[in-house]
N, C-alpha and C. Protein backbone atom coordinates (compact mmCIF):
# COMPACT_ATOMS: atom_id res chain seq x y z
N MET A 1 112.49 116.08 138.20
CA MET A 1 112.24 115.73 136.81
C MET A 1 112.05 114.23 136.72
N ASP A 2 110.99 113.78 136.06
CA ASP A 2 110.67 112.36 135.91
C ASP A 2 111.54 111.77 134.81
N GLY A 3 112.24 110.69 135.10
CA GLY A 3 113.12 110.07 134.11
C GLY A 3 112.37 109.42 132.97
N GLU A 4 111.18 108.91 133.23
CA GLU A 4 110.43 108.20 132.18
C GLU A 4 109.88 109.15 131.13
N THR A 5 109.33 110.30 131.55
CA THR A 5 108.71 111.22 130.60
C THR A 5 109.54 112.48 130.39
N GLY A 6 110.68 112.59 131.03
CA GLY A 6 111.49 113.79 130.86
C GLY A 6 110.85 115.02 131.48
N GLY A 7 109.98 114.84 132.46
CA GLY A 7 109.33 115.97 133.12
C GLY A 7 108.07 116.45 132.41
N LEU A 8 107.73 115.83 131.29
CA LEU A 8 106.54 116.22 130.55
C LEU A 8 105.30 115.52 131.11
N PRO A 9 104.13 116.14 130.98
CA PRO A 9 102.92 115.48 131.47
C PRO A 9 102.60 114.26 130.61
N ARG A 10 102.00 113.27 131.22
CA ARG A 10 101.61 112.06 130.50
C ARG A 10 100.21 112.24 129.93
N ARG A 11 100.01 111.73 128.72
CA ARG A 11 98.69 111.80 128.10
C ARG A 11 97.80 110.71 128.67
N ARG A 12 96.52 111.03 128.79
CA ARG A 12 95.52 110.05 129.21
C ARG A 12 94.54 109.89 128.07
N ARG A 13 94.28 108.65 127.68
CA ARG A 13 93.34 108.39 126.60
C ARG A 13 91.97 108.94 126.93
N GLN A 14 91.34 109.55 125.93
CA GLN A 14 89.98 110.05 125.99
C GLN A 14 89.76 111.12 127.04
N ALA A 15 90.82 111.77 127.51
CA ALA A 15 90.68 112.78 128.56
C ALA A 15 89.93 114.01 128.06
N SER A 16 90.05 114.34 126.77
CA SER A 16 89.41 115.56 126.27
C SER A 16 88.05 115.29 125.62
N LEU A 17 87.59 114.06 125.64
CA LEU A 17 86.28 113.74 125.04
C LEU A 17 85.14 114.11 125.97
N ALA A 18 84.00 114.39 125.36
CA ALA A 18 82.80 114.62 126.16
C ALA A 18 82.46 113.33 126.90
N PRO A 19 81.90 113.43 128.10
CA PRO A 19 81.62 112.22 128.89
C PRO A 19 80.78 111.19 128.15
N GLY A 20 79.86 111.61 127.30
CA GLY A 20 79.02 110.66 126.58
C GLY A 20 79.76 109.88 125.51
N LEU A 21 80.92 110.38 125.08
CA LEU A 21 81.68 109.71 124.04
C LEU A 21 82.76 108.78 124.59
N ARG A 22 83.04 108.88 125.85
CA ARG A 22 84.07 108.03 126.45
C ARG A 22 83.58 106.59 126.53
N THR A 23 84.49 105.68 126.33
CA THR A 23 84.14 104.26 126.40
C THR A 23 84.74 103.66 127.66
N GLU A 24 84.16 102.57 128.09
CA GLU A 24 84.67 101.89 129.28
C GLU A 24 85.98 101.18 128.98
N THR A 25 86.08 100.60 127.80
CA THR A 25 87.31 99.90 127.43
C THR A 25 87.98 100.66 126.30
N GLU A 26 89.26 100.55 126.22
CA GLU A 26 89.99 101.22 125.16
C GLU A 26 89.90 100.40 123.88
N ARG A 27 89.50 101.04 122.82
CA ARG A 27 89.33 100.34 121.55
C ARG A 27 90.67 99.93 120.96
N SER A 28 91.71 100.67 121.22
CA SER A 28 93.01 100.37 120.63
C SER A 28 93.74 99.26 121.36
N ALA A 29 93.15 98.71 122.40
CA ALA A 29 93.82 97.67 123.17
C ALA A 29 93.90 96.36 122.39
N GLY A 30 92.94 96.09 121.53
CA GLY A 30 92.94 94.84 120.78
C GLY A 30 93.64 94.97 119.45
N PRO A 31 93.80 93.86 118.77
CA PRO A 31 94.44 93.91 117.45
C PRO A 31 93.55 94.61 116.43
N ALA A 32 94.16 95.14 115.41
CA ALA A 32 93.42 95.83 114.36
C ALA A 32 92.60 94.81 113.58
N PRO A 33 91.40 95.18 113.14
CA PRO A 33 90.59 94.23 112.38
C PRO A 33 91.25 93.91 111.04
N ALA A 34 91.02 92.71 110.57
CA ALA A 34 91.59 92.29 109.30
C ALA A 34 90.94 93.08 108.17
N PRO A 35 91.72 93.47 107.17
CA PRO A 35 91.13 94.22 106.05
C PRO A 35 90.16 93.33 105.28
N GLN A 36 89.11 93.96 104.77
CA GLN A 36 88.11 93.23 104.00
C GLN A 36 88.48 93.29 102.53
N GLY A 37 88.18 92.23 101.81
CA GLY A 37 88.43 92.23 100.38
C GLY A 37 89.66 91.41 100.03
N SER A 38 89.79 91.17 98.76
CA SER A 38 90.89 90.33 98.28
C SER A 38 92.11 91.19 97.93
N PRO A 39 93.26 90.56 97.78
CA PRO A 39 94.44 91.29 97.34
C PRO A 39 94.24 91.93 95.96
N GLU A 40 93.46 91.26 95.12
CA GLU A 40 93.19 91.80 93.78
C GLU A 40 92.39 93.09 93.87
N GLN A 41 91.43 93.14 94.79
CA GLN A 41 90.64 94.37 94.97
C GLN A 41 91.52 95.49 95.50
N ALA A 42 92.40 95.17 96.42
CA ALA A 42 93.31 96.19 96.96
C ALA A 42 94.23 96.72 95.86
N ARG A 43 94.75 95.82 95.04
CA ARG A 43 95.62 96.22 93.94
C ARG A 43 94.87 97.12 92.95
N ALA A 44 93.63 96.75 92.63
CA ALA A 44 92.83 97.55 91.70
C ALA A 44 92.55 98.94 92.26
N THR A 45 92.26 99.01 93.54
CA THR A 45 92.00 100.30 94.18
C THR A 45 93.24 101.17 94.17
N MET A 46 94.38 100.60 94.52
CA MET A 46 95.63 101.37 94.54
C MET A 46 96.03 101.79 93.13
N SER A 47 95.79 100.93 92.14
CA SER A 47 96.10 101.28 90.75
C SER A 47 95.23 102.45 90.29
N ALA A 48 93.96 102.42 90.64
CA ALA A 48 93.06 103.51 90.27
C ALA A 48 93.49 104.81 90.94
N LEU A 49 93.92 104.73 92.18
CA LEU A 49 94.39 105.91 92.89
C LEU A 49 95.62 106.48 92.21
N GLN A 50 96.56 105.60 91.85
CA GLN A 50 97.78 106.04 91.18
C GLN A 50 97.47 106.66 89.82
N ARG A 51 96.56 106.06 89.06
CA ARG A 51 96.17 106.63 87.77
C ARG A 51 95.57 108.02 87.95
N GLY A 52 94.78 108.19 88.99
CA GLY A 52 94.19 109.50 89.27
C GLY A 52 95.24 110.54 89.59
N PHE A 53 96.25 110.15 90.37
CA PHE A 53 97.34 111.08 90.67
C PHE A 53 98.08 111.48 89.39
N ILE A 54 98.38 110.50 88.56
CA ILE A 54 99.10 110.77 87.31
C ILE A 54 98.27 111.68 86.40
N ARG A 55 96.99 111.37 86.27
CA ARG A 55 96.11 112.19 85.44
C ARG A 55 96.03 113.61 85.97
N GLY A 56 95.95 113.76 87.29
CA GLY A 56 95.88 115.10 87.88
C GLY A 56 97.15 115.89 87.66
N ARG A 57 98.30 115.24 87.70
CA ARG A 57 99.57 115.94 87.46
C ARG A 57 99.68 116.38 86.00
N ASN A 58 99.16 115.57 85.10
CA ASN A 58 99.28 115.88 83.67
C ASN A 58 98.33 116.99 83.23
N GLU A 59 97.24 117.17 83.94
CA GLU A 59 96.25 118.17 83.52
C GLU A 59 96.61 119.56 83.96
């Protein structure tokens, strides 16, 4: 029994993808891209989402 994985198989990235979809480098290796837009736009979007949830519950 392997102490690191508890005897379970280790996952390999992109192992189940079709060969044409596999990439040479792992995309998740780098930092996540910075979000686009201003904090005000994010707040407006989240407020609209919350209003939609509230409206849906009330109907």
